[in-house]
């Protein structure tokens, strides 16, 4: 019995599949078992046509193809080549080794790509060490962009057969794509980042407190809300956050590329940060993922390891805002449907912008607010206390003054972020400060005696919840990292408390 390795895509992850074949005596037949979808069952006709067109004799035996494990539904036309190779080389001593094979067959034997090949190989790249794949020549450049894998390509069925019969497989190998990114080496691990600032903080005049809060939010991956009058620069600051985000690992870059591919976006591998900004009229299913039978990916999953921006926050339906509590707290969400249950990671920076009242002029020193108390109360009541408790940093922005000047550039802010990132990684953290688990907070968020006294007094005076205390500690830890301080001091606690919702 010969076996060829391939994979099937289930939701976001690829599952390894062994394509097995037996050729036994009996009436000639050709069957495929192992919960194969109709697209795979149709491959029997494509394989027969491709083999006969290329002068291969179809074996007069009872042919059984099994896709193992047999208790998982398989989808995709990329099993065609694996099946055809097993049939064409059934009486030949050929070793398929650990090659993973992906290709659809045209009726004349030409190898074709399909939509599931790229995300499947992306997912496998995170699971399989020293991954080697054989793919159609038409997709070789795209697959070669995936880091740390060996890519081989063939143009048609004959080329694929010659590849496995050949002892010089290197001539079929595709040159590896090299990422054009800056790199950091920390604790024998490589991180990637860009120094491209298409939108620059040097365009933001004034707003020192807001820019300081933005720097803290990015350095520790903290959730943040900007509140202020229209035109004061809330959205302007948030749209610049993506260019100063911390570096990413290869795994995070692959995850982003996989999500882009599933979202029908041409992926790239340049370590740029995801930035998603759904409109406030978006449906609940589009934000959290949904579907009647199989769950589809939503905005919060697409934002993983990036930024999710809610502009005009109180205009989002309350049901959506309340549903954000779980992914913000647990950094993951489970979408359950009849035929599938899918876990999505949601380790994104949640950035929001809102006006202080419906007309926006409540905090203005020059314009008169036209809202009555009932309208303001109804507007702000959209944000419940449990929702606000999940937010690390609240910033009230002042109005823009004509005399305000820009005082810091994105390049300088990014360098401060990189310095804080190095400190966090050298400390042995797996996640940035804003996403630390409770047990990690005790380990990494160490206060000096003065800082501990200040936090205890604040807990009593402001009735801080256990979650709020942890938020203060995590923000203070990031502030201390920006100051290159080993322990959290009282001034760091004071600044962290200044960003709590009043």
Protein backbone atom coordinates (compact mmCIF):
# COMPACT_ATOMS: atom_id res chain seq x y z
CA UNK A 1 0.00 0.00 0.00
CA UNK A 2 1.34 3.43 -0.99
CA UNK A 3 0.58 6.62 0.96
CA UNK A 4 0.80 10.27 -0.11
CA UNK A 5 0.42 13.14 2.32
CA UNK A 6 -1.95 16.04 1.73
CA UNK A 7 -4.32 18.16 3.85
CA UNK A 8 -7.87 19.45 4.04
CA UNK A 9 -8.95 22.83 5.37
CA UNK A 10 -11.40 22.80 8.27
CA UNK A 11 -12.44 26.32 9.19
CA UNK A 12 -9.08 28.10 9.83
CA UNK A 13 -6.80 25.09 10.27
CA UNK A 14 -5.44 22.45 7.94
CA UNK A 15 -5.74 18.81 8.97
CA UNK A 16 -3.16 16.36 7.63
CA UNK A 17 -4.65 13.68 5.39
CA UNK A 18 -3.02 10.43 4.24
CA UNK A 19 -4.16 9.44 0.74
CA UNK A 20 -3.95 5.64 0.69
CA UNK A 21 -4.44 3.27 -2.23
CA UNK A 22 -4.92 -0.48 -2.64
CA UNK A 23 -5.12 -2.47 -5.89
CA UNK A 24 -6.81 -5.84 -5.40
CA UNK A 25 -8.12 -8.60 -7.63
CA UNK A 26 -11.74 -8.39 -8.64
CA UNK A 27 -14.03 -6.66 -11.07
CA UNK A 28 -12.39 -3.39 -12.23
CA UNK A 29 -13.71 -0.49 -10.18
CA UNK A 30 -12.57 2.84 -8.79
CA UNK A 31 -13.91 4.10 -5.46
CA UNK A 32 -12.93 6.85 -3.02
CA UNK A 33 -13.82 6.49 0.68
CA UNK A 34 -13.15 8.50 3.82
CA UNK A 35 -15.95 11.10 3.94
CA UNK A 36 -14.90 12.65 0.62
CA UNK A 37 -17.01 15.56 -0.64
CA UNK A 38 -18.65 15.58 -4.08
CA UNK A 39 -15.72 17.64 -5.48
CA UNK A 40 -13.35 14.83 -4.46
CA UNK A 41 -15.66 12.11 -5.79
CA UNK A 42 -15.66 13.88 -9.15
CA UNK A 43 -11.86 13.56 -9.24
CA UNK A 44 -12.31 9.96 -10.45
CA UNK A 45 -13.32 11.26 -13.88
CA UNK A 46 -10.58 13.91 -13.93
CA UNK A 47 -7.93 11.35 -12.96
CA UNK A 48 -9.10 8.82 -15.56
CA UNK A 49 -9.11 11.42 -18.32
CA UNK A 50 -5.68 12.83 -17.33
CA UNK A 51 -4.09 9.38 -17.21
CA UNK A 52 -5.59 8.15 -20.50
CA UNK A 53 -4.75 11.42 -22.28
CA UNK A 54 -1.11 10.99 -21.26
CA UNK A 55 -0.93 7.35 -22.49
CA UNK A 56 -1.11 5.70 -19.06
CA UNK A 57 -3.02 2.45 -18.89
CA UNK A 58 -5.65 2.41 -16.19
CA UNK A 59 -5.04 -0.72 -14.02
CA UNK A 60 -7.73 -3.41 -14.54
CA UNK A 61 -8.08 -3.92 -10.80
CA UNK A 62 -10.35 -3.01 -7.94
CA UNK A 63 -8.91 0.37 -6.89
CA UNK A 64 -9.77 1.76 -3.47
CA UNK A 65 -8.60 5.22 -2.42
CA UNK A 66 -8.95 6.04 1.28
CA UNK A 67 -8.58 9.52 2.79
CA UNK A 68 -7.41 9.03 6.37
CA UNK A 69 -8.50 9.92 9.05
CA UNK A 70 -11.83 8.65 7.80
CA UNK A 71 -14.04 10.40 10.37
CA UNK A 72 -13.35 13.95 9.12
CA UNK A 73 -15.11 15.55 6.18
CA UNK A 74 -12.68 16.28 3.32
CA UNK A 75 -13.08 19.06 0.78
CA UNK A 76 -11.08 20.37 -2.15
CA UNK A 77 -10.05 19.41 -5.65
CA UNK A 78 -6.36 19.50 -4.69
CA UNK A 79 -6.44 15.74 -3.92
CA UNK A 80 -6.52 15.04 -7.69
CA UNK A 81 -2.75 14.83 -8.17
CA UNK A 82 -2.23 12.58 -5.12
CA UNK A 83 -4.84 10.11 -6.42
CA UNK A 84 -3.45 10.22 -9.97
CA UNK A 85 0.12 9.55 -8.78
CA UNK A 86 -0.99 6.56 -6.72
CA UNK A 87 -2.76 5.08 -9.75
CA UNK A 88 -0.02 5.91 -12.28
CA UNK A 89 2.79 4.55 -10.11
CA UNK A 90 0.96 1.63 -8.49
CA UNK A 91 3.45 -1.00 -9.78
CA UNK A 92 6.57 1.20 -9.49
CA UNK A 93 8.90 1.35 -6.51
CA UNK A 94 8.66 5.04 -5.68
CA UNK A 95 9.16 6.78 -2.33
CA UNK A 96 6.90 9.78 -1.78
CA UNK A 97 8.81 10.52 1.44
CA UNK A 98 7.29 13.36 3.44
CA UNK A 99 6.15 15.50 0.50
CA UNK A 100 2.74 17.12 0.85
CA UNK A 101 1.04 17.23 -2.56
CA UNK A 102 -1.56 19.79 -3.67
CA UNK A 103 -2.91 20.18 -7.22
CA UNK A 104 -6.12 19.93 -9.21
CA UNK A 105 -5.95 18.10 -12.53
CA UNK A 106 -7.22 19.41 -15.84
CA UNK A 107 -8.56 16.76 -18.24
CA UNK A 108 -5.30 16.92 -20.23
CA UNK A 109 -3.14 16.44 -17.12
CA UNK A 110 -2.20 20.08 -16.53
CA UNK A 111 -1.83 20.96 -12.84
CA UNK A 112 -4.13 23.73 -11.61
CA UNK A 113 -4.47 25.65 -8.38
CA UNK A 114 -7.58 26.17 -6.24
CA UNK A 115 -8.60 28.53 -3.44
CA UNK A 116 -7.78 26.16 -0.56
CA UNK A 117 -4.15 25.29 -1.44
CA UNK A 118 -2.54 28.50 -0.16
CA UNK A 119 -4.32 28.69 3.26
CA UNK A 120 -3.82 24.93 3.75
CA UNK A 121 -0.05 25.20 3.25
CA UNK A 122 0.06 28.34 5.41
CA UNK A 123 -1.59 26.42 8.24
CA UNK A 124 0.70 23.40 7.75
CA UNK A 125 3.76 25.67 7.89
CA UNK A 126 2.93 26.41 11.54
CA UNK A 127 2.45 22.72 12.42
CA UNK A 128 5.01 20.74 10.40
CA UNK A 129 8.76 21.11 10.82
CA UNK A 130 10.80 21.10 7.58
CA UNK A 131 7.66 21.13 5.42
CA UNK A 132 8.16 20.12 1.75
CA UNK A 133 5.33 20.62 -0.74
CA UNK A 134 4.71 19.90 -4.42
CA UNK A 135 2.38 22.43 -6.06
CA UNK A 136 1.33 23.56 -9.56
CA UNK A 137 3.82 25.81 -11.33
CA UNK A 138 1.15 28.52 -11.65
CA UNK A 139 1.14 29.08 -7.88
CA UNK A 140 4.83 28.46 -7.10
CA UNK A 141 5.76 32.13 -6.60
CA UNK A 142 2.92 32.66 -4.14
CA UNK A 143 3.71 29.53 -2.12
CA UNK A 144 7.44 30.40 -2.12
CA UNK A 145 6.59 33.54 -0.15
CA UNK A 146 5.75 31.38 2.87
CA UNK A 147 8.82 31.36 5.17
CA UNK A 148 10.69 28.24 6.28
CA UNK A 149 9.28 25.69 3.83
CA UNK A 150 10.69 23.87 0.77
CA UNK A 151 8.60 24.36 -2.37
CA UNK A 152 8.77 22.16 -5.48
CA UNK A 153 6.59 22.65 -8.55
CA UNK A 154 5.43 20.77 -11.64
CA UNK A 155 3.58 21.93 -14.72
CA UNK A 156 1.61 18.76 -15.51
CA UNK A 157 1.08 15.16 -14.47
CA UNK A 158 4.09 13.91 -16.47
CA UNK A 159 6.35 16.42 -14.70
CA UNK A 160 5.05 15.25 -11.32
CA UNK A 161 5.75 11.61 -12.19
CA UNK A 162 9.26 12.50 -13.42
CA UNK A 163 9.82 14.42 -10.18
CA UNK A 164 9.25 11.35 -8.02
CA UNK A 165 11.26 9.13 -10.37
CA UNK A 166 14.14 11.59 -10.44
CA UNK A 167 17.11 11.51 -8.07
CA UNK A 168 17.81 15.20 -8.73
CA UNK A 169 14.78 16.80 -7.13
CA UNK A 170 16.60 20.07 -6.51
CA UNK A 171 16.08 21.17 -10.12
CA UNK A 172 12.34 21.30 -9.37
CA UNK A 173 12.86 23.43 -6.26
CA UNK A 174 11.53 26.99 -6.22
CA UNK A 175 13.85 29.72 -4.80
CA UNK A 176 12.75 30.85 -1.34
CA UNK A 177 11.24 34.33 -1.05
CA UNK A 178 13.03 36.58 1.44
CA UNK A 179 11.04 39.01 3.53
CA UNK A 180 12.18 42.61 3.17
CA UNK A 181 11.71 43.50 6.84
CA UNK A 182 13.83 44.74 9.70
CA UNK A 183 14.55 42.09 12.29
CA UNK A 184 15.14 41.80 16.02
CA UNK A 185 16.82 38.85 17.77
CA UNK A 186 15.64 38.37 21.35
CA UNK A 187 16.28 35.21 23.39
CA UNK A 188 17.31 33.32 20.23
CA UNK A 189 14.01 34.21 18.57
CA UNK A 190 13.54 36.37 15.48
CA UNK A 191 10.95 39.16 15.22
CA UNK A 192 10.05 41.21 12.16
CA UNK A 193 8.88 44.81 11.75
CA UNK A 194 8.65 47.60 9.17
CA UNK A 195 9.98 51.13 9.23
CA UNK A 196 7.38 52.52 6.83
CA UNK A 197 5.29 55.38 8.14
CA UNK A 198 2.68 56.20 5.51
CA UNK A 199 0.73 58.11 8.17
CA UNK A 200 3.01 59.95 10.59
CA UNK A 201 2.48 61.29 14.11
CA UNK A 202 4.40 64.37 13.04
CA UNK A 203 1.12 65.43 11.38
CA UNK A 204 -0.66 65.45 14.76
CA UNK A 205 -0.33 68.84 16.42
CA UNK A 206 -0.68 69.18 20.17
CA UNK A 207 -2.55 66.39 22.03
CA UNK A 208 0.48 65.38 24.13
CA UNK A 209 -1.64 63.37 26.58
CA UNK A 210 -3.43 61.51 23.78
CA UNK A 211 -0.15 60.67 22.03
CA UNK A 212 1.34 59.50 25.32
CA UNK A 213 -1.70 57.27 25.86
CA UNK A 214 -1.38 55.95 22.30
CA UNK A 215 2.29 55.12 22.90
CA UNK A 216 1.40 53.19 26.07
CA UNK A 217 -1.46 51.36 24.34
CA UNK A 218 0.73 50.19 21.46
CA UNK A 219 3.70 49.26 23.67
CA UNK A 220 1.59 46.93 25.80
CA UNK A 221 -1.29 46.06 23.43
CA UNK A 222 -3.83 47.78 25.69
CA UNK A 223 -7.43 48.55 24.72
CA UNK A 224 -8.03 52.30 24.47
CA UNK A 225 -10.90 54.77 24.02
CA UNK A 226 -10.46 58.37 22.84
CA UNK A 227 -13.23 60.81 23.74
CA UNK A 228 -13.32 64.34 22.40
CA UNK A 229 -14.99 66.96 20.23
CA UNK A 230 -15.30 66.43 16.47
CA UNK A 231 -12.06 67.23 14.65
CA UNK A 232 -9.76 67.04 17.68
CA UNK A 233 -7.77 64.17 16.14
CA UNK A 234 -9.20 60.95 17.61
CA UNK A 235 -9.36 58.98 14.37
CA UNK A 236 -6.19 60.66 13.13
CA UNK A 237 -4.19 59.22 16.04
CA UNK A 238 -5.77 55.76 15.87
CA UNK A 239 -5.07 55.38 12.13
CA UNK A 240 -1.38 56.00 12.82
CA UNK A 241 -1.10 53.27 15.47
CA UNK A 242 -0.69 50.48 12.91
CA UNK A 243 2.68 51.87 11.76
CA UNK A 244 4.28 51.82 15.23
CA UNK A 245 3.03 48.40 16.40
CA UNK A 246 5.50 45.95 18.03
CA UNK A 247 7.35 43.38 15.90
CA UNK A 248 5.77 40.05 14.91
CA UNK A 249 6.97 36.46 14.89
CA UNK A 250 6.97 34.30 11.76
CA UNK A 251 3.93 32.46 13.16
CA UNK A 252 1.98 35.73 13.50
CA UNK A 253 2.90 36.77 9.95
CA UNK A 254 1.72 33.39 8.64
CA UNK A 255 -1.51 33.69 10.63
CA UNK A 256 -2.18 37.12 9.12
CA UNK A 257 -1.52 35.83 5.61
CA UNK A 258 -3.85 32.87 6.19
CA UNK A 259 -6.67 35.14 7.42
CA UNK A 260 -6.15 37.45 4.44
CA UNK A 261 -6.34 34.50 2.07
CA UNK A 262 -9.55 33.20 3.65
CA UNK A 263 -10.97 36.72 3.40
CA UNK A 264 -10.14 36.75 -0.35
CA UNK A 265 -7.40 39.38 0.10
CA UNK A 266 -4.06 38.88 -1.64
CA UNK A 267 -1.69 38.20 1.29
CA UNK A 268 1.75 39.71 1.77
CA UNK A 269 4.60 38.86 4.12
CA UNK A 270 5.98 42.27 5.02
CA UNK A 271 5.18 42.26 8.77
CA UNK A 272 2.59 45.02 8.35
CA UNK A 273 -0.10 45.12 11.04
CA UNK A 274 -3.75 44.27 10.42
CA UNK A 275 -6.08 47.26 10.75
CA UNK A 276 -9.82 46.55 10.62
CA UNK A 277 -12.41 49.30 10.91
CA UNK A 278 -16.00 48.03 10.55
CA UNK A 279 -18.78 50.61 10.18
CA UNK A 280 -21.22 51.00 13.05
CA UNK A 281 -24.02 49.66 10.82
CA UNK A 282 -22.21 46.30 10.46
CA UNK A 283 -24.20 43.24 11.48
CA UNK A 284 -23.38 41.13 14.50
CA UNK A 285 -22.51 38.15 12.30
CA UNK A 286 -20.06 40.20 10.21
CA UNK A 287 -18.19 41.30 13.34
CA UNK A 288 -18.18 38.06 15.33
CA UNK A 289 -18.47 35.53 12.52
CA UNK A 290 -21.50 33.49 11.63
CA UNK A 291 -23.42 31.50 9.08
CA UNK A 292 -26.38 29.17 9.22
CA UNK A 293 -24.46 25.89 8.90
CA UNK A 294 -20.72 26.54 8.84
CA UNK A 295 -19.25 29.46 10.75
CA UNK A 296 -17.56 32.16 8.67
CA UNK A 297 -14.78 34.37 9.95
CA UNK A 298 -15.69 37.83 11.33
CA UNK A 299 -13.93 41.14 11.93
CA UNK A 300 -12.67 40.33 15.42
CA UNK A 301 -10.93 37.16 14.21
CA UNK A 302 -9.51 38.98 11.18
CA UNK A 303 -8.08 41.57 13.59
CA UNK A 304 -6.04 39.04 15.55
CA UNK A 305 -2.52 40.38 16.35
CA UNK A 306 -3.58 43.71 14.87
CA UNK A 307 -5.93 46.63 15.55
CA UNK A 308 -9.73 46.65 15.62
CA UNK A 309 -11.05 50.22 15.35
CA UNK A 310 -14.62 51.15 16.32
CA UNK A 311 -15.28 54.74 15.24
CA UNK A 312 -18.36 56.47 16.68
CA UNK A 313 -18.45 53.81 19.41
CA UNK A 314 -21.87 54.62 20.98
CA UNK A 315 -23.55 54.27 17.58
CA UNK A 316 -22.77 50.55 17.49
CA UNK A 317 -25.76 48.44 18.60
CA UNK A 318 -25.66 47.66 22.31
CA UNK A 319 -25.90 43.92 21.58
CA UNK A 320 -22.60 44.12 19.67
CA UNK A 321 -20.86 46.12 22.40
CA UNK A 322 -21.98 43.70 25.11
CA UNK A 323 -20.89 40.74 23.01
CA UNK A 324 -17.41 42.25 22.85
CA UNK A 325 -16.91 41.53 26.54
CA UNK A 326 -15.87 37.87 26.11
CA UNK A 327 -13.28 38.34 23.34
CA UNK A 328 -11.81 41.36 25.15
CA UNK A 329 -11.51 39.44 28.42
CA UNK A 330 -10.52 35.95 27.22
CA UNK A 331 -8.69 36.94 23.99
CA UNK A 332 -10.63 34.23 22.15
CA UNK A 333 -14.17 33.49 21.02
CA UNK A 334 -16.04 30.28 20.26
CA UNK A 335 -18.48 30.38 17.33
CA UNK A 336 -20.85 27.39 17.48
CA UNK A 337 -22.98 26.23 14.58
CA UNK A 338 -24.83 23.03 13.75
CA UNK A 339 -21.96 21.43 11.87
CA UNK A 340 -18.98 23.26 13.32
CA UNK A 341 -17.49 24.79 16.44
CA UNK A 342 -14.62 27.16 15.77
CA UNK A 343 -12.28 28.87 18.22
CA UNK A 344 -10.83 32.20 17.06
CA UNK A 345 -7.98 34.02 18.80
CA UNK A 346 -8.75 37.70 19.45
CA UNK A 347 -5.48 39.20 20.73
CA UNK A 348 -6.06 42.54 19.06
CA UNK A 349 -5.64 46.12 20.21
CA UNK A 350 -9.19 47.44 20.57
CA UNK A 351 -9.16 51.16 19.73
CA UNK A 352 -12.31 53.30 19.86
CA UNK A 353 -13.29 56.90 19.23
CA UNK A 354 -16.40 58.66 20.51
CA UNK A 355 -17.88 62.10 20.96
CA UNK A 356 -18.84 63.26 24.48
CA UNK A 357 -22.49 63.76 23.44
CA UNK A 358 -24.70 63.34 20.35
CA UNK A 359 -23.89 66.79 18.96
CA UNK A 360 -20.21 66.47 19.99
CA UNK A 361 -19.83 69.89 21.63
CA UNK A 362 -20.22 69.01 25.33
CA UNK A 363 -16.49 69.52 26.04
CA UNK A 364 -16.04 72.43 23.63
CA UNK A 365 -14.89 75.79 24.98
CA UNK A 366 -16.11 77.68 21.90
CA UNK A 367 -19.26 75.85 20.75
CA UNK A 368 -22.50 75.39 22.65
CA UNK A 369 -23.85 71.88 23.29
CA UNK A 370 -27.37 71.40 21.87
CA UNK A 371 -28.12 68.17 23.77
CA UNK A 372 -30.34 67.88 26.83
CA UNK A 373 -29.51 65.70 29.82
CA UNK A 374 -31.72 62.84 28.68
CA UNK A 375 -30.00 62.67 25.27
CA UNK A 376 -26.54 62.69 26.86
CA UNK A 377 -27.52 60.01 29.37
CA UNK A 378 -29.04 57.82 26.66
CA UNK A 379 -25.95 58.32 24.47
CA UNK A 380 -23.48 57.31 27.19
CA UNK A 381 -25.63 54.50 28.57
CA UNK A 382 -24.72 52.47 25.46
CA UNK A 383 -21.41 51.77 27.23
CA UNK A 384 -22.12 49.57 30.24
CA UNK A 385 -19.79 49.31 33.24
CA UNK A 386 -18.82 45.69 32.44
CA UNK A 387 -17.86 46.78 28.90
CA UNK A 388 -15.87 49.78 30.16
CA UNK A 389 -14.14 47.55 32.70
CA UNK A 390 -12.51 45.71 29.77
CA UNK A 391 -10.89 48.93 28.53
CA UNK A 392 -7.40 49.69 29.84
CA UNK A 393 -7.02 53.35 28.86
CA UNK A 394 -9.55 56.20 28.62
CA UNK A 395 -8.40 59.51 27.15
CA UNK A 396 -10.35 62.76 27.12
CA UNK A 397 -8.92 64.93 24.36
CA UNK A 398 -8.79 68.71 24.36
CA UNK A 399 -9.72 70.91 21.42
CA UNK A 400 -7.08 71.78 18.86
CA UNK A 401 -5.34 75.11 19.34
CA UNK A 402 -3.96 77.09 16.41
CA UNK A 403 -0.65 77.47 18.25
CA UNK A 404 -0.22 73.70 18.81
CA UNK A 405 2.81 72.11 17.19
CA UNK A 406 3.92 68.57 16.41
CA UNK A 407 6.43 67.36 19.00
CA UNK A 408 7.14 63.72 18.07
CA UNK A 409 7.36 61.61 14.91
CA UNK A 410 6.23 58.04 14.26
CA UNK A 411 9.85 56.96 13.90
CA UNK A 412 10.71 58.19 17.40
CA UNK A 413 7.54 56.66 18.90
CA UNK A 414 8.25 53.36 17.15
CA UNK A 415 11.74 53.26 18.65
CA UNK A 416 10.24 53.69 22.13
CA UNK A 417 7.80 50.85 21.36
CA UNK A 418 10.68 48.61 20.23
CA UNK A 419 12.62 49.35 23.43
CA UNK A 420 9.61 48.42 25.59
CA UNK A 421 9.02 45.31 23.47
CA UNK A 422 12.60 44.11 24.01
CA UNK A 423 12.22 44.49 27.77
CA UNK A 424 8.98 42.48 27.80
CA UNK A 425 10.39 39.65 25.68
CA UNK A 426 13.70 39.52 27.58
CA UNK A 427 11.64 39.13 30.76
CA UNK A 428 10.35 35.86 29.31
CA UNK A 429 6.79 36.94 28.50
CA UNK A 430 4.89 35.14 25.75
CA UNK A 431 2.35 37.97 25.43
CA UNK A 432 2.57 41.72 25.71
CA UNK A 433 1.55 43.33 29.01
CA UNK A 434 -2.03 44.08 27.99
CA UNK A 435 -2.78 40.39 27.28
CA UNK A 436 -1.08 38.87 30.34
CA UNK A 437 -3.01 36.18 32.20
CA UNK A 438 -3.78 36.54 35.91
CA UNK A 439 -0.99 34.19 36.99
CA UNK A 440 1.51 36.12 34.83
CA UNK A 441 0.50 39.45 36.38
CA UNK A 442 1.78 38.29 39.78
CA UNK A 443 5.01 37.14 38.16
CA UNK A 444 5.84 40.16 36.00
CA UNK A 445 3.97 43.14 37.53
CA UNK A 446 6.10 43.61 40.65
CA UNK A 447 5.56 46.83 42.63
CA UNK A 448 7.86 48.59 45.05
CA UNK A 449 6.49 49.38 48.52
CA UNK A 450 5.35 52.93 47.65
CA UNK A 451 3.59 51.76 44.50
CA UNK A 452 1.78 49.03 46.42
CA UNK A 453 0.53 51.54 49.02
CA UNK A 454 -0.78 53.88 46.32
CA UNK A 455 -2.62 51.02 44.58
CA UNK A 456 -4.20 49.86 47.86
CA UNK A 457 -5.47 53.39 48.61
CA UNK A 458 -6.85 53.74 45.07
CA UNK A 459 -8.63 50.40 45.38
CA UNK A 460 -10.41 51.58 48.53
CA UNK A 461 -11.15 55.16 47.39
CA UNK A 462 -12.40 54.30 43.90
CA UNK A 463 -13.89 50.84 44.64
CA UNK A 464 -11.81 49.22 41.92
CA UNK A 465 -12.86 45.72 40.87
CA UNK A 466 -10.35 42.88 40.70
CA UNK A 467 -10.34 43.28 36.90
CA UNK A 468 -9.73 47.04 37.21
CA UNK A 469 -6.80 46.45 39.56
CA UNK A 470 -5.25 44.08 37.03
CA UNK A 471 -5.79 46.63 34.26
CA UNK A 472 -4.02 49.31 36.32
CA UNK A 473 -1.14 46.94 37.05
CA UNK A 474 -0.72 45.99 33.38
CA UNK A 475 -0.78 49.62 32.19
CA UNK A 476 1.66 50.59 34.96
CA UNK A 477 3.93 47.71 33.88
CA UNK A 478 4.01 49.10 30.34
CA UNK A 479 4.74 52.63 31.62
CA UNK A 480 7.59 51.21 33.71
CA UNK A 481 8.93 49.40 30.63
CA UNK A 482 8.90 52.63 28.65
CA UNK A 483 10.95 54.17 31.46
CA UNK A 484 13.22 51.05 31.55
CA UNK A 485 12.30 50.51 35.21
CA UNK A 486 12.61 46.99 36.65
CA UNK A 487 9.82 47.44 39.21
CA UNK A 488 6.57 49.41 39.07
CA UNK A 489 6.94 52.65 41.04
CA UNK A 490 4.37 55.04 42.48
CA UNK A 491 4.64 57.47 39.55
CA UNK A 492 3.80 54.63 37.17
CA UNK A 493 0.73 53.73 39.26
CA UNK A 494 -0.36 57.40 39.32
CA UNK A 495 -0.15 57.69 35.54
CA UNK A 496 -1.98 54.38 35.04
CA UNK A 497 -4.75 55.53 37.39
CA UNK A 498 -5.06 58.80 35.45
CA UNK A 499 -6.17 56.78 32.42
CA UNK A 500 -8.99 54.95 34.23
CA UNK A 501 -12.60 55.93 33.41
CA UNK A 502 -13.87 58.54 35.85
